[in-house]
C-alpha cells in the first residue's frame, strides 16, 4: 500500500529540493576551486574563477533563486523571509557598527598568507583601494544571498512546517 503525497507535502519537498540544488550548483559553478581540492570531485572542477564573479554567481544561486521559489513553494513573499526592515533603529545601529568593523578586519587581513589559505577567493586581495573596495562590495553581495538562503528561506521558511529547532538544525 503506497501513500500519495499531498500537494502541501510536494511543495515542502520541492522547497527542500530547491535548497539542495542551489547549494550543489553553487559549489560546482561558483566554487570550482574547492571541488578541485577534493580528489573524488576534481573532475567536476573547471578551475578557479575570479572572486567577484564567484560572489555574484553565489548571490544569484543562493539568494535570487530561493526568493523566487518561496512564492510558489513556501507560499510566502520573499520579504517575509528576513528581507523586511524589522526593527529599523536596532538594525541601523548594528549595520553602522558591524560594517566598519568587518571592513577593518578584512583590510587588516588583506594580503595575509594565512587568510589566503583559509579563504581562497581572497588570495589576490591587497590593501590597494582599487582592489579592496570592489572585493568587499562583491563579498557583501555574496553574503546577502548566503544569509537569505540559510536564515531566510530555510530557517524562517521551513519553521512553520518543521518547528524552530528542526528548521534551525536543518539550515
N, C-alpha and C. Protein backbone atom coordinates (compact mmCIF):
# COMPACT_ATOMS: atom_id res chain seq x y z
N UNK A 1 0.84 -1.17 0.00
CA UNK A 1 0.00 0.00 0.00
C UNK A 1 0.89 1.24 0.00
N UNK A 2 0.72 2.11 -0.98
CA UNK A 2 1.53 3.32 -1.07
C UNK A 2 0.69 4.54 -0.76
N UNK A 3 1.28 5.44 -0.06
CA UNK A 3 0.59 6.68 0.27
C UNK A 3 0.90 7.71 -0.81
N UNK A 4 -0.08 8.49 -1.15
CA UNK A 4 0.10 9.55 -2.13
C UNK A 4 0.39 10.84 -1.39
N UNK A 5 1.41 11.54 -1.82
CA UNK A 5 1.79 12.80 -1.17
C UNK A 5 0.75 13.87 -1.48
N UNK A 6 0.45 14.66 -0.46
CA UNK A 6 -0.48 15.76 -0.66
C UNK A 6 0.23 16.89 -1.39
N UNK A 7 -0.54 17.83 -1.89
CA UNK A 7 0.04 18.99 -2.57
C UNK A 7 0.98 19.75 -1.64
N UNK A 8 0.60 19.87 -0.39
CA UNK A 8 1.44 20.57 0.58
C UNK A 8 2.76 19.85 0.78
N UNK A 9 2.72 18.53 0.89
CA UNK A 9 3.96 17.76 1.05
C UNK A 9 4.86 17.91 -0.17
N UNK A 10 4.27 17.92 -1.34
CA UNK A 10 5.05 18.10 -2.57
C UNK A 10 5.71 19.47 -2.58
N UNK A 11 4.99 20.49 -2.14
CA UNK A 11 5.57 21.84 -2.06
C UNK A 11 6.74 21.89 -1.10
N UNK A 12 6.59 21.30 0.10
CA UNK A 12 7.66 21.31 1.09
C UNK A 12 8.88 20.54 0.60
N UNK A 13 8.64 19.41 -0.03
CA UNK A 13 9.75 18.64 -0.59
C UNK A 13 10.43 19.42 -1.72
N UNK A 14 9.63 20.09 -2.51
CA UNK A 14 10.18 20.94 -3.57
C UNK A 14 11.02 22.06 -3.01
N UNK A 15 10.57 22.65 -1.90
CA UNK A 15 11.32 23.74 -1.26
C UNK A 15 12.68 23.23 -0.79
N UNK A 16 12.70 22.06 -0.19
CA UNK A 16 13.98 21.47 0.24
C UNK A 16 14.84 21.12 -0.96
N UNK A 17 14.22 20.60 -2.01
CA UNK A 17 14.94 20.26 -3.23
C UNK A 17 15.61 21.47 -3.86
N UNK A 18 14.91 22.60 -3.86
CA UNK A 18 15.50 23.84 -4.39
C UNK A 18 16.73 24.21 -3.59
N UNK A 19 16.64 24.12 -2.27
CA UNK A 19 17.79 24.47 -1.42
C UNK A 19 18.98 23.56 -1.72
N UNK A 20 18.74 22.27 -1.78
CA UNK A 20 19.83 21.33 -2.06
C UNK A 20 20.42 21.59 -3.45
N UNK A 21 19.56 21.83 -4.42
CA UNK A 21 20.03 22.06 -5.79
C UNK A 21 20.87 23.32 -5.90
N UNK A 22 20.42 24.42 -5.30
CA UNK A 22 21.21 25.65 -5.44
C UNK A 22 22.53 25.56 -4.69
N UNK A 23 22.55 24.85 -3.58
CA UNK A 23 23.81 24.66 -2.86
C UNK A 23 24.78 23.83 -3.72
N UNK A 24 24.29 22.73 -4.30
CA UNK A 24 25.13 21.88 -5.14
C UNK A 24 25.63 22.63 -6.37
N UNK A 25 24.74 23.32 -7.05
CA UNK A 25 25.13 24.06 -8.25
C UNK A 25 26.10 25.18 -7.89
N UNK A 26 25.89 25.81 -6.74
CA UNK A 26 26.82 26.85 -6.31
C UNK A 26 28.23 26.30 -6.14
N UNK A 27 28.34 25.12 -5.54
CA UNK A 27 29.67 24.52 -5.36
C UNK A 27 30.31 24.21 -6.70
N UNK A 28 29.54 23.74 -7.65
CA UNK A 28 30.09 23.34 -8.95
C UNK A 28 30.41 24.56 -9.82
N UNK A 29 29.51 25.53 -9.85
CA UNK A 29 29.65 26.66 -10.77
C UNK A 29 30.47 27.80 -10.16
N UNK A 30 30.13 28.20 -8.94
CA UNK A 30 30.76 29.37 -8.36
C UNK A 30 32.00 29.05 -7.54
N UNK A 31 32.17 27.81 -7.10
CA UNK A 31 33.31 27.46 -6.25
C UNK A 31 34.07 26.24 -6.76
N UNK A 32 34.43 26.21 -8.04
CA UNK A 32 35.17 25.04 -8.55
C UNK A 32 36.54 24.89 -7.89
N UNK A 33 37.06 25.96 -7.31
CA UNK A 33 38.35 25.88 -6.62
C UNK A 33 38.29 24.91 -5.45
N UNK A 34 37.15 24.86 -4.76
CA UNK A 34 37.02 23.95 -3.63
C UNK A 34 36.84 22.51 -4.09
N UNK A 35 36.13 22.32 -5.21
CA UNK A 35 35.97 20.96 -5.73
C UNK A 35 37.30 20.39 -6.20
N UNK A 36 38.13 21.24 -6.76
CA UNK A 36 39.43 20.78 -7.27
C UNK A 36 40.31 20.23 -6.14
N UNK A 37 40.07 20.69 -4.90
CA UNK A 37 40.85 20.21 -3.77
C UNK A 37 40.41 18.82 -3.31
N UNK A 38 39.24 18.38 -3.74
CA UNK A 38 38.71 17.08 -3.34
C UNK A 38 38.95 16.09 -4.47
N UNK A 39 39.78 15.11 -4.23
CA UNK A 39 40.19 14.18 -5.29
C UNK A 39 39.00 13.53 -5.99
N UNK A 40 38.00 13.11 -5.22
CA UNK A 40 36.85 12.42 -5.80
C UNK A 40 36.00 13.35 -6.67
N UNK A 41 36.03 14.65 -6.41
CA UNK A 41 35.19 15.59 -7.14
C UNK A 41 35.97 16.48 -8.11
N UNK A 42 37.27 16.27 -8.22
CA UNK A 42 38.09 17.17 -9.02
C UNK A 42 37.69 17.18 -10.49
N UNK A 43 37.07 16.12 -10.98
CA UNK A 43 36.62 16.08 -12.37
C UNK A 43 35.51 17.07 -12.65
N UNK A 44 34.78 17.49 -11.63
CA UNK A 44 33.72 18.48 -11.81
C UNK A 44 34.28 19.90 -11.87
N UNK A 45 35.50 20.07 -11.41
CA UNK A 45 36.07 21.42 -11.30
C UNK A 45 36.55 21.93 -12.64
N UNK A 46 36.21 23.17 -12.92
CA UNK A 46 36.65 23.80 -14.16
C UNK A 46 37.82 24.74 -13.91
N UNK A 47 38.28 24.82 -12.71
CA UNK A 47 39.36 25.73 -12.36
C UNK A 47 38.81 26.97 -11.68
N UNK A 48 39.70 27.72 -11.04
CA UNK A 48 39.23 28.89 -10.31
C UNK A 48 38.66 29.97 -11.23
N UNK A 49 37.70 30.70 -10.73
CA UNK A 49 37.14 31.84 -11.45
C UNK A 49 37.39 33.07 -10.59
N UNK A 50 37.37 34.25 -11.18
CA UNK A 50 37.61 35.45 -10.36
C UNK A 50 36.63 35.55 -9.20
N UNK A 51 37.13 36.00 -8.07
CA UNK A 51 36.32 36.07 -6.85
C UNK A 51 35.05 36.87 -7.05
N UNK A 52 35.15 38.01 -7.72
CA UNK A 52 33.97 38.85 -7.89
C UNK A 52 32.87 38.13 -8.66
N UNK A 53 33.25 37.36 -9.67
CA UNK A 53 32.26 36.61 -10.45
C UNK A 53 31.68 35.49 -9.59
N UNK A 54 32.53 34.81 -8.83
CA UNK A 54 32.06 33.74 -7.93
C UNK A 54 31.06 34.30 -6.92
N UNK A 55 31.35 35.47 -6.36
CA UNK A 55 30.45 36.07 -5.38
C UNK A 55 29.11 36.44 -6.01
N UNK A 56 29.13 37.01 -7.18
CA UNK A 56 27.88 37.41 -7.84
C UNK A 56 27.07 36.19 -8.26
N UNK A 57 27.73 35.15 -8.76
CA UNK A 57 27.03 33.90 -9.09
C UNK A 57 26.39 33.30 -7.84
N UNK A 58 27.12 33.32 -6.75
CA UNK A 58 26.58 32.78 -5.50
C UNK A 58 25.37 33.57 -5.04
N UNK A 59 25.39 34.87 -5.20
CA UNK A 59 24.24 35.69 -4.83
C UNK A 59 23.01 35.27 -5.63
N UNK A 60 23.18 35.08 -6.93
CA UNK A 60 22.05 34.67 -7.77
C UNK A 60 21.56 33.29 -7.36
N UNK A 61 22.49 32.35 -7.21
CA UNK A 61 22.09 30.98 -6.89
C UNK A 61 21.51 30.85 -5.49
N UNK A 62 22.17 31.42 -4.50
CA UNK A 62 21.76 31.23 -3.11
C UNK A 62 20.67 32.20 -2.66
N UNK A 63 20.57 33.34 -3.30
CA UNK A 63 19.60 34.34 -2.88
C UNK A 63 18.42 34.50 -3.81
N UNK A 64 18.70 34.76 -5.08
CA UNK A 64 17.63 35.07 -6.02
C UNK A 64 16.74 33.88 -6.32
N UNK A 65 17.32 32.74 -6.60
CA UNK A 65 16.52 31.55 -6.94
C UNK A 65 15.62 31.14 -5.76
N UNK A 66 16.14 31.03 -4.53
CA UNK A 66 15.24 30.71 -3.42
C UNK A 66 14.16 31.78 -3.20
N UNK A 67 14.49 33.04 -3.42
CA UNK A 67 13.48 34.10 -3.25
C UNK A 67 12.34 33.90 -4.24
N UNK A 68 12.67 33.55 -5.46
CA UNK A 68 11.63 33.29 -6.47
C UNK A 68 10.86 31.99 -6.16
N UNK A 69 11.56 30.99 -5.65
CA UNK A 69 10.92 29.72 -5.32
C UNK A 69 10.02 29.82 -4.10
N UNK A 70 10.28 30.79 -3.22
CA UNK A 70 9.49 30.93 -1.99
C UNK A 70 8.03 31.21 -2.29
N UNK A 71 7.76 31.90 -3.37
CA UNK A 71 6.37 32.27 -3.68
C UNK A 71 5.51 31.04 -3.96
N UNK A 72 5.88 30.18 -4.92
CA UNK A 72 5.02 29.02 -5.16
C UNK A 72 5.18 27.87 -4.17
N UNK A 73 6.39 27.69 -3.63
CA UNK A 73 6.65 26.53 -2.79
C UNK A 73 6.34 26.75 -1.32
N UNK A 74 6.76 27.86 -0.78
CA UNK A 74 6.53 28.14 0.63
C UNK A 74 5.27 28.98 0.86
N UNK A 75 4.72 29.48 -0.23
CA UNK A 75 3.51 30.31 -0.19
C UNK A 75 3.72 31.57 0.66
N UNK A 76 4.91 32.15 0.54
CA UNK A 76 5.22 33.42 1.21
C UNK A 76 5.93 34.33 0.22
N UNK A 77 5.87 35.60 0.51
CA UNK A 77 6.59 36.57 -0.30
C UNK A 77 8.03 36.61 0.19
N UNK A 78 8.99 36.84 -0.72
CA UNK A 78 10.40 36.80 -0.32
C UNK A 78 10.74 37.72 0.84
N UNK A 79 10.11 38.89 0.94
CA UNK A 79 10.45 39.82 2.02
C UNK A 79 9.92 39.35 3.37
N UNK A 80 9.06 38.33 3.38
CA UNK A 80 8.60 37.77 4.65
C UNK A 80 9.62 36.80 5.24
N UNK A 81 10.69 36.56 4.51
CA UNK A 81 11.72 35.63 4.97
C UNK A 81 13.01 36.37 5.33
N UNK A 82 12.85 37.46 6.04
CA UNK A 82 14.01 38.18 6.55
C UNK A 82 14.46 39.37 5.73
N UNK A 83 13.76 39.70 4.67
CA UNK A 83 14.17 40.85 3.87
C UNK A 83 13.48 42.14 4.27
N UNK A 84 12.59 42.05 5.23
CA UNK A 84 11.89 43.25 5.68
C UNK A 84 12.79 44.14 6.52
N UNK A 85 12.29 45.29 6.90
CA UNK A 85 13.08 46.24 7.67
C UNK A 85 13.18 45.86 9.14
N UNK A 86 12.21 45.14 9.68
CA UNK A 86 12.27 44.73 11.08
C UNK A 86 12.38 45.93 12.00
N UNK A 87 13.18 45.80 13.04
CA UNK A 87 13.43 46.89 13.98
C UNK A 87 14.49 47.79 13.35
N UNK A 88 14.04 48.81 12.62
CA UNK A 88 14.96 49.62 11.83
C UNK A 88 15.99 50.37 12.69
N UNK A 89 15.62 50.80 13.89
CA UNK A 89 16.57 51.51 14.74
C UNK A 89 17.70 50.58 15.18
N UNK A 90 17.35 49.39 15.65
CA UNK A 90 18.35 48.41 16.05
C UNK A 90 19.19 47.98 14.85
N UNK A 91 18.54 47.75 13.72
CA UNK A 91 19.26 47.35 12.51
C UNK A 91 20.25 48.39 12.06
N UNK A 92 19.86 49.66 12.11
CA UNK A 92 20.75 50.74 11.71
C UNK A 92 21.97 50.82 12.63
N UNK A 93 21.75 50.63 13.91
CA UNK A 93 22.86 50.63 14.87
C UNK A 93 23.81 49.47 14.56
N UNK A 94 23.26 48.28 14.36
CA UNK A 94 24.10 47.10 14.10
C UNK A 94 24.87 47.24 12.80
N UNK A 95 24.23 47.76 11.76
CA UNK A 95 24.91 47.94 10.47
C UNK A 95 25.98 49.02 10.58
N UNK A 96 25.68 50.10 11.28
CA UNK A 96 26.66 51.20 11.37
C UNK A 96 27.87 50.80 12.20
N UNK A 97 27.73 49.84 13.08
CA UNK A 97 28.87 49.33 13.85
C UNK A 97 29.49 48.13 13.14
N UNK A 98 28.66 47.22 12.67
CA UNK A 98 29.14 45.96 12.11
C UNK A 98 29.91 46.10 10.81
N UNK A 99 29.41 46.92 9.90
CA UNK A 99 30.10 47.05 8.61
C UNK A 99 31.50 47.63 8.77
N UNK A 100 31.68 48.74 9.50
CA UNK A 100 33.05 49.24 9.66
C UNK A 100 33.99 48.23 10.34
N UNK A 101 33.49 47.50 11.32
CA UNK A 101 34.33 46.50 11.99
C UNK A 101 34.73 45.40 11.01
N UNK A 102 33.77 44.91 10.24
CA UNK A 102 34.06 43.84 9.27
C UNK A 102 35.03 44.32 8.19
N UNK A 103 34.82 45.53 7.68
CA UNK A 103 35.71 46.07 6.65
C UNK A 103 37.11 46.28 7.22
N UNK A 104 37.21 46.79 8.45
CA UNK A 104 38.52 46.99 9.07
C UNK A 104 39.24 45.65 9.26
N UNK A 105 38.52 44.64 9.69
CA UNK A 105 39.12 43.32 9.87
C UNK A 105 39.59 42.75 8.53
N UNK A 106 38.79 42.93 7.49
CA UNK A 106 39.18 42.46 6.16
C UNK A 106 40.41 43.21 5.66
N UNK A 107 40.47 44.50 5.92
CA UNK A 107 41.60 45.31 5.49
C UNK A 107 42.88 44.86 6.19
N UNK A 108 42.78 44.59 7.49
CA UNK A 108 43.96 44.13 8.25
C UNK A 108 44.43 42.78 7.71
N UNK A 109 43.49 41.90 7.36
CA UNK A 109 43.84 40.57 6.87
C UNK A 109 44.22 40.52 5.40
N UNK A 110 43.97 41.60 4.65
CA UNK A 110 44.26 41.61 3.22
C UNK A 110 45.75 41.37 2.98
N UNK A 111 46.03 40.45 2.11
CA UNK A 111 47.41 40.15 1.79
C UNK A 111 48.07 39.14 2.71
N UNK A 112 47.36 38.70 3.75
CA UNK A 112 47.93 37.74 4.70
C UNK A 112 47.91 36.34 4.08
N UNK A 113 49.05 35.65 4.04
CA UNK A 113 49.08 34.29 3.51
C UNK A 113 48.17 33.34 4.28
N UNK A 114 48.07 33.52 5.59
CA UNK A 114 47.21 32.64 6.40
C UNK A 114 45.75 32.84 6.02
N UNK A 115 45.33 34.08 5.80
CA UNK A 115 43.95 34.36 5.40
C UNK A 115 43.70 33.80 4.01
N UNK A 116 44.67 33.98 3.10
CA UNK A 116 44.53 33.47 1.73
C UNK A 116 44.38 31.96 1.71
N UNK A 117 45.04 31.27 2.63
CA UNK A 117 44.92 29.81 2.71
C UNK A 117 43.52 29.41 3.17
N UNK A 118 42.98 30.12 4.13
CA UNK A 118 41.67 29.80 4.67
C UNK A 118 40.55 30.25 3.73
N UNK A 119 40.72 31.37 3.06
CA UNK A 119 39.72 31.95 2.18
C UNK A 119 40.31 32.10 0.78
N UNK A 120 40.28 31.04 -0.03
CA UNK A 120 40.99 31.07 -1.31
C UNK A 120 40.51 32.14 -2.29
N UNK A 121 39.27 32.58 -2.19
CA UNK A 121 38.82 33.63 -3.10
C UNK A 121 39.40 34.99 -2.73
N UNK A 122 40.05 35.08 -1.60
CA UNK A 122 40.69 36.32 -1.20
C UNK A 122 42.19 36.33 -1.42
N UNK A 123 42.71 35.33 -2.13
CA UNK A 123 44.15 35.22 -2.28
C UNK A 123 44.78 36.39 -3.03
N UNK A 124 44.05 37.05 -3.90
CA UNK A 124 44.59 38.19 -4.62
C UNK A 124 44.29 39.51 -3.96
N UNK A 125 43.71 39.45 -2.79
CA UNK A 125 43.29 40.66 -2.09
C UNK A 125 44.50 41.41 -1.53
N UNK A 126 44.51 42.70 -1.77
CA UNK A 126 45.59 43.54 -1.25
C UNK A 126 44.96 44.73 -0.53
N UNK A 127 45.81 45.57 0.03
CA UNK A 127 45.32 46.78 0.70
C UNK A 127 45.16 47.94 -0.28
N UNK A 128 45.34 47.66 -1.54
CA UNK A 128 45.12 48.69 -2.57
C UNK A 128 43.62 48.95 -2.65
N UNK A 129 43.21 50.20 -2.54
CA UNK A 129 41.79 50.56 -2.58
C UNK A 129 41.13 50.10 -3.87
N UNK A 130 41.86 50.14 -4.98
CA UNK A 130 41.31 49.74 -6.28
C UNK A 130 40.94 48.27 -6.33
N UNK A 131 41.60 47.45 -5.53
CA UNK A 131 41.31 46.01 -5.45
C UNK A 131 40.39 45.72 -4.27
N UNK A 132 40.69 46.35 -3.14
CA UNK A 132 39.99 46.04 -1.90
C UNK A 132 38.51 46.43 -1.93
N UNK A 133 38.19 47.62 -2.35
CA UNK A 133 36.80 48.11 -2.30
C UNK A 133 35.86 47.27 -3.17
N UNK A 134 36.18 47.01 -4.46
CA UNK A 134 35.27 46.15 -5.25
C UNK A 134 35.12 44.76 -4.64
N UNK A 135 36.22 44.22 -4.09
CA UNK A 135 36.17 42.90 -3.47
C UNK A 135 35.19 42.89 -2.30
N UNK A 136 35.30 43.88 -1.43
CA UNK A 136 34.44 43.96 -0.25
C UNK A 136 32.97 44.11 -0.65
N UNK A 137 32.71 44.91 -1.65
CA UNK A 137 31.33 45.10 -2.13
C UNK A 137 30.77 43.79 -2.66
N UNK A 138 31.54 43.10 -3.50
CA UNK A 138 31.07 41.81 -4.04
C UNK A 138 30.92 40.76 -2.96
N UNK A 139 31.82 40.76 -1.97
CA UNK A 139 31.72 39.82 -0.86
C UNK A 139 30.45 40.08 -0.05
N UNK A 140 30.12 41.35 0.14
CA UNK A 140 28.88 41.70 0.83
C UNK A 140 27.66 41.21 0.06
N UNK A 141 27.69 41.33 -1.25
CA UNK A 141 26.58 40.85 -2.08
C UNK A 141 26.45 39.33 -1.95
N UNK A 142 27.60 38.64 -1.96
CA UNK A 142 27.59 37.19 -1.76
C UNK A 142 26.88 36.83 -0.45
N UNK A 143 27.23 37.54 0.63
CA UNK A 143 26.65 37.19 1.92
C UNK A 143 25.17 37.53 2.02
N UNK A 144 24.69 38.46 1.25
CA UNK A 144 23.25 38.70 1.21
C UNK A 144 22.52 37.46 0.70
N UNK A 145 23.04 36.88 -0.38
CA UNK A 145 22.44 35.65 -0.92
C UNK A 145 22.59 34.48 0.03
N UNK A 146 23.79 34.32 0.61
CA UNK A 146 24.07 33.23 1.54
C UNK A 146 23.12 33.29 2.74
N UNK A 147 23.02 34.46 3.34
CA UNK A 147 22.16 34.62 4.52
C UNK A 147 20.69 34.44 4.17
N UNK A 148 20.29 34.89 2.99
CA UNK A 148 18.89 34.72 2.61
C UNK A 148 18.55 33.24 2.49
N UNK A 149 19.41 32.46 1.86
CA UNK A 149 19.13 31.03 1.72
C UNK A 149 19.05 30.35 3.09
N UNK A 150 20.07 30.53 3.92
CA UNK A 150 20.13 29.78 5.17
C UNK A 150 19.23 30.35 6.26
N UNK A 151 19.27 31.64 6.48
CA UNK A 151 18.48 32.22 7.58
C UNK A 151 17.06 32.56 7.16
N UNK A 152 16.87 32.94 5.92
CA UNK A 152 15.54 33.31 5.46
C UNK A 152 14.76 32.11 4.94
N UNK A 153 15.18 31.61 3.78
CA UNK A 153 14.46 30.54 3.09
C UNK A 153 14.36 29.26 3.92
N UNK A 154 15.50 28.79 4.43
CA UNK A 154 15.47 27.53 5.18
C UNK A 154 14.97 27.71 6.61
N UNK A 155 15.52 28.65 7.35
CA UNK A 155 15.13 28.79 8.76
C UNK A 155 13.71 29.35 8.89
N UNK A 156 13.48 30.54 8.38
CA UNK A 156 12.16 31.16 8.53
C UNK A 156 11.12 30.50 7.64
N UNK A 157 11.53 30.07 6.45
CA UNK A 157 10.58 29.47 5.52
C UNK A 157 10.08 28.10 5.93
N UNK A 158 10.92 27.35 6.60
CA UNK A 158 10.53 25.98 6.98
C UNK A 158 10.14 25.86 8.45
N UNK A 159 10.24 26.95 9.18
CA UNK A 159 9.93 26.93 10.61
C UNK A 159 8.49 26.49 10.87
N UNK A 160 7.55 26.98 10.08
CA UNK A 160 6.15 26.61 10.33
C UNK A 160 5.89 25.13 10.06
N UNK A 161 6.65 24.54 9.18
CA UNK A 161 6.48 23.13 8.85
C UNK A 161 7.26 22.22 9.81
N UNK A 162 8.49 22.60 10.14
CA UNK A 162 9.37 21.74 10.92
C UNK A 162 9.47 22.11 12.39
N UNK A 163 9.07 23.32 12.73
CA UNK A 163 9.29 23.84 14.08
C UNK A 163 10.63 24.54 14.13
N UNK A 164 10.80 25.40 15.11
CA UNK A 164 12.00 26.21 15.20
C UNK A 164 13.29 25.44 15.36
N UNK A 165 13.29 24.43 16.23
CA UNK A 165 14.52 23.67 16.50
C UNK A 165 14.95 22.89 15.26
N UNK A 166 14.01 22.18 14.64
CA UNK A 166 14.37 21.39 13.45
C UNK A 166 14.80 22.27 12.29
N UNK A 167 14.10 23.39 12.08
CA UNK A 167 14.47 24.30 10.99
C UNK A 167 15.86 24.88 11.26
N UNK A 168 16.16 25.17 12.50
CA UNK A 168 17.48 25.70 12.85
C UNK A 168 18.56 24.64 12.62
N UNK A 169 18.30 23.42 13.00
CA UNK A 169 19.26 22.35 12.77
C UNK A 169 19.44 22.07 11.29
N UNK A 170 18.37 22.12 10.52
CA UNK A 170 18.45 21.87 9.09
C UNK A 170 19.32 22.91 8.40
N UNK A 171 19.09 24.16 8.69
CA UNK A 171 19.86 25.20 7.99
C UNK A 171 21.27 25.25 8.50
